[in-house]
Protein backbone atom coordinates (compact mmCIF):
# COMPACT_ATOMS: atom_id res chain seq x y z
CA MET A 1 0.00 0.00 0.00
CA LYS A 2 2.83 2.36 0.92
CA GLY A 3 4.56 1.62 -2.42
CA LYS A 4 1.37 2.36 -4.34
CA THR A 5 0.96 5.68 -2.49
CA CYS A 6 4.56 6.69 -3.28
CA GLY A 7 4.07 5.71 -6.91
CA LEU A 8 0.86 7.72 -7.15
CA PHE A 9 2.52 10.74 -5.50
CA LEU A 10 5.49 10.50 -7.87
CA GLY A 11 3.17 10.25 -10.89
CA ILE A 12 1.22 13.34 -9.81
CA LEU A 13 4.49 15.22 -9.22
CA ILE A 14 5.77 14.32 -12.70
CA PHE A 15 2.43 15.33 -14.23
CA ILE A 16 2.42 18.74 -12.48
CA THR A 17 6.09 19.28 -13.34
CA GLY A 18 5.38 18.55 -17.00
CA ILE A 19 2.52 21.04 -17.09
CA LEU A 20 4.61 23.70 -15.32
CA THR A 21 7.55 23.20 -17.67
CA CYS A 22 5.35 23.41 -20.77
CA GLN A 23 3.72 26.60 -19.49
CA LEU A 24 7.12 28.13 -18.80
CA LYS A 25 8.35 27.23 -22.27
CA GLY A 26 5.29 28.57 -24.01
CA THR A 27 4.50 31.74 -22.14
CA ILE A 28 7.36 32.98 -19.92
CA LEU A 29 10.80 31.95 -21.07
CA PRO A 30 12.70 33.65 -23.90
CA PRO A 31 12.81 32.04 -27.36
CA GLU A 32 15.09 29.14 -28.22
CA ARG A 33 17.27 31.40 -30.36
CA TYR A 34 18.54 34.71 -29.10
CA SER A 35 21.08 37.30 -30.23
CA VAL A 36 23.14 39.78 -28.20
CA THR A 37 25.92 42.24 -29.00
CA ALA A 38 29.44 41.11 -28.05
CA GLY A 39 30.27 42.17 -24.48
CA GLU A 40 26.59 42.47 -23.50
CA PRO A 41 25.06 39.96 -21.04
CA LEU A 42 22.01 37.90 -21.93
CA ARG A 43 19.04 39.62 -20.28
CA LEU A 44 16.32 37.09 -19.57
CA LYS A 45 13.49 39.46 -18.51
CA LEU A 46 11.79 36.78 -16.42
CA PRO A 47 9.36 37.02 -13.50
CA ALA A 48 11.12 37.12 -10.11
CA PHE A 49 9.76 33.74 -8.96
CA VAL A 50 11.27 32.09 -12.04
CA GLU A 51 14.66 33.84 -11.76
CA ASN A 52 14.93 32.89 -8.07
CA ASN A 53 14.55 29.18 -8.89
CA LEU A 54 16.38 29.05 -12.20
CA GLU A 55 19.81 27.56 -12.83
CA ALA A 56 21.85 28.01 -15.99
CA ARG A 57 24.95 26.48 -17.53
CA ILE A 58 26.84 27.23 -20.71
CA ILE A 59 27.06 23.74 -22.20
CA GLY A 60 28.74 24.42 -25.54
CA ASN A 61 29.62 26.70 -28.40
CA GLU A 62 29.92 26.21 -32.15
CA TYR A 63 33.19 24.28 -31.69
CA GLU A 64 32.86 22.07 -28.61
CA SER A 65 30.76 20.99 -25.64
CA LEU A 66 31.42 22.78 -22.34
CA SER A 67 30.17 22.85 -18.78
CA LYS A 68 30.25 26.25 -17.12
CA SER A 69 27.81 27.12 -14.34
CA ILE A 70 26.40 30.64 -14.02
CA ASN A 71 26.60 32.46 -10.69
CA PRO A 72 23.11 32.24 -9.07
CA GLU A 73 23.35 35.86 -7.91
CA GLU A 74 23.80 37.01 -11.50
CA LEU A 75 20.83 34.91 -12.52
CA LYS A 76 18.69 36.58 -9.87
CA SER A 77 19.49 39.91 -11.49
CA GLY A 78 18.16 38.51 -14.76
CA THR A 79 21.47 38.45 -16.65
CA ILE A 80 23.83 35.76 -17.93
CA PRO A 81 27.42 36.82 -18.74
CA LEU A 82 28.63 35.51 -22.09
CA SER A 83 31.83 35.38 -24.07
CA SER A 84 32.95 38.58 -25.78
CA GLN A 85 33.97 36.49 -28.80
CA PHE A 86 31.68 36.43 -31.83
CA GLY A 87 29.85 33.17 -32.45
CA GLN A 88 27.23 31.08 -30.69
CA GLN A 89 26.84 29.55 -27.24
CA ILE A 90 24.36 27.02 -25.92
CA VAL A 91 22.79 27.96 -22.58
CA ARG A 92 20.83 25.29 -20.69
CA LEU A 93 18.12 26.50 -18.29
CA THR A 94 16.74 24.27 -15.53
CA LEU A 95 14.19 24.86 -12.80
CA PHE A 96 15.23 23.94 -9.24
CA GLY A 97 18.39 22.51 -10.76
CA VAL A 98 16.67 19.35 -11.99
CA LEU A 99 13.78 20.17 -14.32
CA PRO A 100 14.95 20.81 -17.92
CA VAL A 101 13.29 23.91 -19.28
CA ARG A 102 15.13 25.08 -22.39
CA ASP A 103 18.39 24.95 -24.34
CA MET A 104 18.96 28.37 -25.86
CA ILE A 105 21.25 29.01 -28.84
CA VAL A 106 22.60 32.50 -28.23
CA SER A 107 24.26 34.31 -31.15
CA ILE A 108 26.95 36.76 -30.03
CA VAL A 109 27.13 39.35 -32.79
CA PRO A 110 29.72 42.09 -33.29
CA GLU A 111 28.77 45.66 -32.52
CA VAL A 112 28.32 47.13 -35.96
CA ARG A 113 28.05 50.91 -36.23
CA VAL A 114 26.48 52.71 -39.18
CA ILE A 115 25.16 56.15 -40.04
CA PRO A 116 21.35 56.10 -40.29
CA GLY A 117 19.90 57.27 -43.59
CA GLY A 118 16.49 58.82 -44.17
CA GLN A 119 17.42 60.35 -47.55
CA SER A 120 14.98 59.84 -50.42
CA ILE A 121 16.57 57.84 -53.23
CA GLY A 122 15.73 56.94 -56.78
CA VAL A 123 16.29 53.25 -57.53
CA LEU A 124 17.04 52.13 -61.09
CA LEU A 125 17.51 48.41 -61.71
CA HIS A 126 18.30 46.58 -64.92
CA SER A 127 17.35 42.92 -65.02
CA GLN A 128 19.49 40.14 -66.46
CA GLY A 129 18.56 40.51 -70.10
CA ILE A 130 15.14 41.99 -70.82
CA VAL A 131 11.76 40.99 -69.38
CA VAL A 132 8.84 39.94 -71.58
CA VAL A 133 5.77 41.88 -70.48
CA ASP A 134 3.45 40.55 -73.20
CA SER A 135 3.21 39.61 -76.88
CA TYR A 136 0.99 40.92 -79.68
CA GLU A 137 -0.11 40.21 -83.23
CA ILE A 138 1.50 41.80 -86.30
CA GLN A 139 -0.29 42.28 -89.62
CA ASP A 140 2.00 41.30 -92.48
CA GLU A 141 1.88 42.62 -96.07
CA THR A 142 -0.79 40.09 -97.07
CA GLY A 143 -3.07 41.22 -94.24
CA ARG A 144 -2.51 38.05 -92.21
CA LYS A 145 -2.17 38.52 -88.43
CA ILE A 146 0.78 36.70 -86.88
CA ASN A 147 2.12 36.52 -83.32
CA PRO A 148 5.70 35.31 -83.96
CA ALA A 149 6.73 35.45 -80.29
CA ALA A 150 3.82 33.32 -79.09
CA GLU A 151 4.27 30.87 -81.97
CA ALA A 152 7.93 30.48 -80.98
CA GLY A 153 6.87 29.61 -77.42
CA ILE A 154 7.96 32.81 -75.66
CA MET A 155 5.78 33.59 -72.65
CA LYS A 156 5.06 36.51 -70.34
CA ASN A 157 7.74 36.97 -67.61
CA ASP A 158 10.43 35.19 -69.67
CA HIS A 159 13.88 36.80 -69.65
CA ILE A 160 15.64 37.15 -73.00
CA LEU A 161 19.34 36.94 -72.17
CA ARG A 162 21.03 36.86 -75.59
CA ILE A 163 20.16 37.15 -79.26
CA GLY A 164 22.58 35.58 -81.71
CA GLY A 165 25.09 35.20 -78.88
CA GLU A 166 24.96 38.93 -78.08
CA ASN A 167 23.91 40.07 -74.59
CA VAL A 168 20.76 42.17 -74.76
CA ILE A 169 20.20 45.06 -72.38
CA SER A 170 17.59 47.32 -74.01
CA ASP A 171 14.46 47.30 -76.16
CA SER A 172 16.17 49.49 -78.78
CA GLN A 173 18.90 46.86 -79.16
CA VAL A 174 16.25 44.17 -79.77
CA ARG A 175 14.57 46.34 -82.42
CA ASP A 176 17.88 46.79 -84.25
CA LEU A 177 18.67 43.06 -84.17
CA ALA A 178 15.16 42.21 -85.43
CA ALA A 179 15.52 44.70 -88.30
CA LYS A 180 18.89 43.27 -89.38
CA ALA A 181 17.71 39.65 -89.20
CA GLY A 182 14.48 40.45 -91.04
CA ALA A 183 16.28 42.28 -93.85
CA ALA A 184 18.64 39.32 -94.23
CA GLY A 185 15.77 36.82 -94.17
CA GLN A 186 17.29 35.10 -91.13
CA PRO A 187 15.64 33.96 -87.87
CA LEU A 188 16.72 35.29 -84.49
CA ILE A 189 18.28 32.71 -82.16
CA MET A 190 17.26 33.77 -78.65
CA GLU A 191 18.57 32.49 -75.33
CA VAL A 192 15.59 32.58 -72.97
CA LYS A 193 15.43 32.09 -69.20
CA ARG A 194 12.21 30.85 -67.62
CA GLY A 195 12.49 30.28 -63.90
CA ASP A 196 15.66 28.21 -63.47
CA LYS A 197 15.63 26.86 -67.03
CA VAL A 198 17.56 28.37 -69.95
CA PHE A 199 16.75 27.33 -73.53
CA LEU A 200 17.07 28.48 -77.16
CA VAL A 201 14.23 29.78 -79.33
CA ARG A 202 14.15 30.45 -83.10
CA LEU A 203 11.98 33.42 -84.02
CA LYS A 204 11.54 34.88 -87.51
CA PRO A 205 10.79 38.63 -87.66
CA VAL A 206 7.65 39.69 -89.55
CA PHE A 207 7.49 42.75 -91.81
CA CYS A 208 4.72 44.94 -90.38
CA LYS A 209 2.39 46.43 -93.01
CA GLU A 210 1.49 49.39 -90.79
CA THR A 211 4.93 50.50 -89.50
CA ARG A 212 6.92 49.32 -92.56
CA ARG A 213 9.59 47.61 -90.48
CA TYR A 214 10.43 44.17 -89.14
CA LYS A 215 8.98 43.28 -85.72
CA ILE A 216 8.87 40.23 -83.44
CA GLY A 217 5.65 40.98 -81.51
CA LEU A 218 7.16 41.41 -78.06
CA MET A 219 6.42 44.00 -75.40
CA ILE A 220 9.55 44.13 -73.26
CA ARG A 221 10.99 46.04 -70.32
CA ASP A 222 14.68 46.55 -69.65
CA SER A 223 14.58 48.39 -66.32
CA SER A 224 12.56 49.22 -63.21
CA ALA A 225 12.57 52.53 -61.37
CA GLY A 226 11.03 53.89 -58.19
CA VAL A 227 11.49 56.09 -55.13
CA GLY A 228 12.41 54.77 -51.68
CA THR A 229 14.54 55.64 -48.65
CA LEU A 230 18.14 54.93 -47.69
CA THR A 231 18.31 52.98 -44.40
CA PHE A 232 22.00 53.18 -43.44
CA TYR A 233 25.54 53.37 -44.71
CA ASP A 234 28.96 52.45 -43.34
CA PRO A 235 31.36 55.42 -43.76
CA MET A 236 34.37 53.08 -43.55
CA THR A 237 33.40 50.75 -46.41
CA MET A 238 30.74 52.93 -48.13
CA SER A 239 28.39 49.91 -48.04
CA TYR A 240 24.69 50.78 -47.73
CA GLY A 241 21.29 49.17 -47.28
CA ALA A 242 17.93 50.55 -48.40
CA LEU A 243 14.20 49.83 -48.85
CA GLY A 244 14.00 46.82 -46.50
CA HIS A 245 12.22 44.70 -49.13
CA ILE A 246 12.79 43.31 -52.61
CA VAL A 247 12.22 45.36 -55.77
CA ASN A 248 9.64 43.83 -58.11
CA ASP A 249 9.28 44.50 -61.82
CA THR A 250 6.42 46.98 -62.27
CA GLY A 251 4.95 45.05 -65.19
CA THR A 252 5.21 41.46 -63.98
CA ASN A 253 5.17 42.07 -60.20
CA ARG A 254 7.99 39.54 -59.89
CA PRO A 255 11.40 40.20 -58.32
CA VAL A 256 13.84 41.92 -60.65
CA ASP A 257 16.52 39.38 -61.61
CA LEU A 258 19.30 41.90 -61.09
CA GLY A 259 21.82 42.53 -63.82
CA ASP A 260 23.02 45.91 -62.63
CA GLY A 261 21.57 48.99 -61.02
CA LYS A 262 22.20 52.26 -59.27
CA ILE A 263 20.71 54.62 -56.71
CA VAL A 264 20.60 58.41 -57.00
CA GLY A 265 19.30 61.18 -54.80
CA ALA A 266 15.60 62.05 -55.06
CA THR A 267 13.64 65.19 -54.20
CA VAL A 268 10.14 64.93 -52.70
CA GLN A 269 7.89 67.40 -54.52
CA GLY A 270 4.56 66.42 -53.05
CA ILE A 271 2.59 64.03 -50.85
CA ILE A 272 -0.56 62.06 -51.63
CA LYS A 273 -2.13 61.51 -48.21
CA GLY A 274 -3.04 57.95 -47.34
CA LYS A 275 -6.43 56.82 -46.12
CA ARG A 276 -8.16 53.55 -45.34
CA GLY A 277 -8.02 51.31 -48.41
CA GLN A 278 -5.87 53.76 -50.40
CA PRO A 279 -2.18 53.97 -49.43
CA GLY A 280 -0.57 57.38 -49.85
CA GLU A 281 2.57 58.15 -51.80
CA LYS A 282 5.59 60.42 -52.02
CA ILE A 283 5.84 62.22 -55.36
CA GLY A 284 9.55 62.38 -56.12
CA THR A 285 11.94 63.24 -58.92
CA PHE A 286 15.48 62.00 -59.43
CA GLN A 287 18.28 64.48 -58.78
CA LYS A 288 20.93 65.13 -61.44
CA ASP A 289 23.71 66.55 -59.23
CA GLU A 290 24.94 63.09 -58.12
CA LEU A 291 25.51 64.22 -54.51
CA LEU A 292 24.05 60.83 -53.64
CA CYS A 293 24.87 57.99 -55.99
CA GLY A 294 25.84 54.36 -55.70
CA THR A 295 25.74 50.93 -57.27
CA VAL A 296 23.21 48.18 -56.54
CA ALA A 297 24.85 44.77 -56.06
CA GLN A 298 22.01 42.80 -54.42
CA ASN A 299 18.21 42.84 -54.70
CA THR A 300 17.01 40.68 -51.79
CA LYS A 301 13.85 40.02 -49.82
CA LEU A 302 15.18 42.30 -47.06
CA GLY A 303 16.33 45.21 -49.19
CA ILE A 304 18.83 46.38 -51.78
CA PHE A 305 22.54 46.61 -51.00
CA GLY A 306 25.58 48.10 -52.69
CA ARG A 307 28.22 50.81 -52.33
CA LEU A 308 28.02 54.59 -52.41
CA GLN A 309 30.45 56.37 -54.69
CA LYS A 310 31.09 59.23 -52.27
CA PRO A 311 30.36 60.10 -48.60
CA LEU A 312 26.95 61.61 -47.91
CA GLU A 313 26.66 65.29 -47.04
CA ASN A 314 22.96 65.43 -46.16
CA ILE A 315 22.96 63.39 -42.92
CA SER A 316 21.17 63.60 -39.55
CA PHE A 317 23.92 61.83 -37.57
CA GLN A 318 27.53 62.99 -37.74
CA GLU A 319 28.82 59.83 -36.03
CA PRO A 320 27.86 56.18 -36.55
CA ILE A 321 25.46 54.59 -34.04
CA PRO A 322 25.20 50.91 -32.99
CA VAL A 323 22.96 48.48 -34.85
CA ALA A 324 20.69 46.74 -32.33
CA ALA A 325 20.80 42.97 -32.04
CA PHE A 326 17.30 41.64 -32.66
CA ASP A 327 16.68 40.89 -29.00
CA GLN A 328 17.66 44.41 -27.95
CA ILE A 329 14.56 45.73 -29.69
CA HIS A 330 11.57 46.19 -27.40
CA GLU A 331 7.99 47.34 -27.64
CA GLY A 332 7.59 51.04 -27.00
CA PRO A 333 8.52 54.47 -28.38
CA ALA A 334 10.92 54.91 -31.30
CA GLU A 335 11.70 57.44 -34.02
CA MET A 336 11.63 57.29 -37.80
CA LEU A 337 13.79 59.33 -40.19
CA THR A 338 12.33 60.27 -43.57
CA VAL A 339 11.85 63.13 -46.07
CA LEU A 340 8.48 64.80 -46.66
CA LYS A 341 9.58 67.91 -48.55
CA GLY A 342 12.57 68.53 -50.78
CA ASP A 343 15.56 66.69 -49.35
CA LYS A 344 15.13 67.65 -45.67
CA ILE A 345 15.38 64.65 -43.32
CA GLU A 346 12.97 64.88 -40.37
CA LYS A 347 12.35 62.80 -37.23
CA PHE A 348 8.89 61.49 -36.40
CA ASN A 349 7.59 59.52 -33.41
CA LEU A 350 6.19 56.03 -33.71
CA GLU A 351 5.55 52.99 -31.50
CA ILE A 352 6.87 49.47 -31.91
CA VAL A 353 3.71 47.59 -30.93
CA ARG A 354 4.74 43.99 -31.62
CA ILE A 355 7.91 42.00 -32.33
CA ASN A 356 7.64 38.80 -34.34
CA PRO A 357 10.84 36.68 -34.43
CA ARG A 358 9.26 34.18 -36.84
CA ALA A 359 8.66 36.66 -39.69
CA LYS A 360 12.19 36.61 -41.11
CA GLU A 361 11.21 35.24 -44.53
CA ASP A 362 9.05 38.25 -45.39
CA GLY A 363 10.92 40.83 -43.30
CA LYS A 364 7.87 41.76 -41.22
CA GLY A 365 9.54 41.30 -37.83
CA LEU A 366 8.21 44.57 -36.38
CA VAL A 367 4.67 45.93 -36.25
CA ILE A 368 4.80 49.71 -35.96
CA GLN A 369 2.26 52.49 -35.48
CA VAL A 370 2.74 56.18 -36.25
CA SER A 371 2.07 58.32 -33.17
CA ASP A 372 3.43 61.66 -34.41
CA PRO A 373 0.56 64.19 -34.85
CA GLY A 374 2.48 66.15 -37.48
CA LEU A 375 3.17 63.08 -39.62
CA LEU A 376 -0.43 61.88 -39.31
CA GLN A 377 -1.67 65.29 -40.41
CA GLU A 378 0.72 65.45 -43.37
CA THR A 379 0.62 61.88 -44.70
CA GLY A 380 -2.07 59.97 -42.81
CA GLY A 381 0.61 57.57 -41.58
CA ILE A 382 2.93 55.33 -43.57
CA ILE A 383 2.99 55.95 -47.33
CA GLN A 384 4.75 54.54 -50.38
CA GLY A 385 8.25 55.92 -50.68
CA MET A 386 8.90 55.54 -46.93
CA SER A 387 10.21 52.01 -47.44
CA GLY A 388 13.67 51.89 -45.90
CA SER A 389 13.10 54.80 -43.51
CA PRO A 390 15.36 54.00 -40.51
CA ILE A 391 13.83 53.32 -37.08
CA ILE A 392 15.86 54.49 -34.07
CA GLN A 393 15.30 53.29 -30.49
CA ASP A 394 17.50 53.85 -27.42
CA GLY A 395 20.21 55.39 -29.60
CA ARG A 396 20.43 52.30 -31.83
CA LEU A 397 19.34 51.57 -35.38
CA VAL A 398 16.71 48.90 -34.81
CA GLY A 399 15.02 48.57 -38.18
CA ALA A 400 13.45 50.07 -41.28
CA VAL A 401 9.89 50.74 -42.39
CA THR A 402 8.80 48.29 -45.11
CA HIS A 403 5.02 48.03 -45.55
CA VAL A 404 1.79 49.85 -44.73
CA PHE A 405 -1.46 48.24 -43.57
CA VAL A 406 -3.86 48.99 -46.43
CA ASN A 407 -6.87 49.16 -44.09
CA ASP A 408 -5.06 51.27 -41.47
CA PRO A 409 -2.29 53.52 -42.85
CA THR A 410 -1.24 54.53 -39.32
CA LYS A 411 0.19 51.01 -38.95
CA GLY A 412 2.71 49.00 -40.88
CA TYR A 413 5.61 46.59 -40.77
CA GLY A 414 9.32 47.04 -40.27
CA VAL A 415 12.32 44.80 -40.80
CA PRO A 416 14.86 44.50 -37.94
CA ALA A 417 18.20 46.11 -38.82
CA GLU A 418 20.20 43.02 -37.81
CA TRP A 419 18.26 40.96 -40.36
CA MET A 420 19.03 43.52 -43.05
CA LEU A 421 22.75 43.52 -42.29
CA ARG A 422 22.90 39.73 -42.32
CA GLU A 423 21.02 39.62 -45.63
CA GLY A 424 23.50 42.09 -47.10
CA ASP A 425 26.51 40.08 -45.81
CA LEU A 426 27.54 43.01 -43.61
CA PHE A 427 28.10 40.86 -40.50
CA PRO A 428 31.32 38.80 -40.23
CA ALA A 429 30.75 35.15 -41.15
CA LYS A 430 30.32 32.80 -38.19
CA LYS A 431 30.16 29.07 -37.66
CA GLU A 432 26.74 27.75 -36.69
CA VAL A 433 25.98 25.39 -33.81
CA THR A 434 25.40 21.94 -35.29
CA GLU A 435 22.68 19.46 -34.40
CA ASP A 436 25.38 16.93 -33.42
CA LEU A 437 26.81 19.36 -30.87
CA LEU A 438 23.34 19.98 -29.45
CA ARG A 439 22.84 16.23 -29.00
CA ILE A 440 26.25 15.84 -27.33
CA ALA A 441 25.58 18.79 -25.04
């Protein structure tokens, strides 16, 4: 009887412990992956009753398994001291020293300092080859209507990379090649890219009865252009990041398969105020003085990246400021830098209302809300052209504005700055913790 009672008591204890541990994991404890700046402790931000009964050990890094206990007094203050070396460490948390709660992979990132942007920029991107927007029929000299592009199998959104072995970069070049081939009675041999596949197409130009020249029946686009905002730049390397999201082709609404591109300064000449269901917009023109100019090397889901050709003169910060590690961002007040008139950079108040660590694929890690009365009066909230506007909190660059809520222009999304820098390869490369090491630890 006594053995049965002990067994029942032990079973109840295990059951309660399991429930408690699951609740801690789901609602109280920090996420399984965390990032901090080198030299900064890991701040747990836990309720006092949890901190007072929590034990922690560093059980490994990206190279080897370890066993290093953390001083209980430091744990009670809510902090865990970590290595000042860049990389990753595995921290094991237990309750009462026996109940496993969580193994955390903590990324120790270098303190990167940049100068926040806020300048309006014009973005001009050329795709690899030229993009097929559509095809159309041509009436030949007999009155017959022919669509040579469609008959050859060319489809909307295809990229034409080469014609006759010659790289193509503009619609005027394609017209000239079609005219020469047509006059010679020869077909065009086109190298076409569709998704990940590249293939050859033979297409014979048709002499158009109306225009009196040879045509191939293709509507094509060789570049995309738009207005956005510079997020940051590094005065040491002249590297920059902007927009916070990918640039899509205006005709196909697909990402521009980047061949080359550049950014230039832009002047805001007017504002279309946003309202529910109708996002607003900055009306901008590209500057010709080249005070701001740079190349575009990457067009990614978290922004465009490249190098400026000269240091910026129109800046709000004379000295670089730290880039916040993702877990240094918190809900609460922040500031946004952007241009509403001319090229004057202004600061506006906003709130970070939610942080979503699982939104890395689409860059919507921050939910923000404009709280500045002046900005609300002028623009109605977040408008097109603000993409890339830097967000500053606690003296750090924490992110960039990326999207507006169509049904509530006072709200929108932002991408964390650390994610942008990683996407642009602006953090030093580091070795990742492996699954084998986690199992050993």
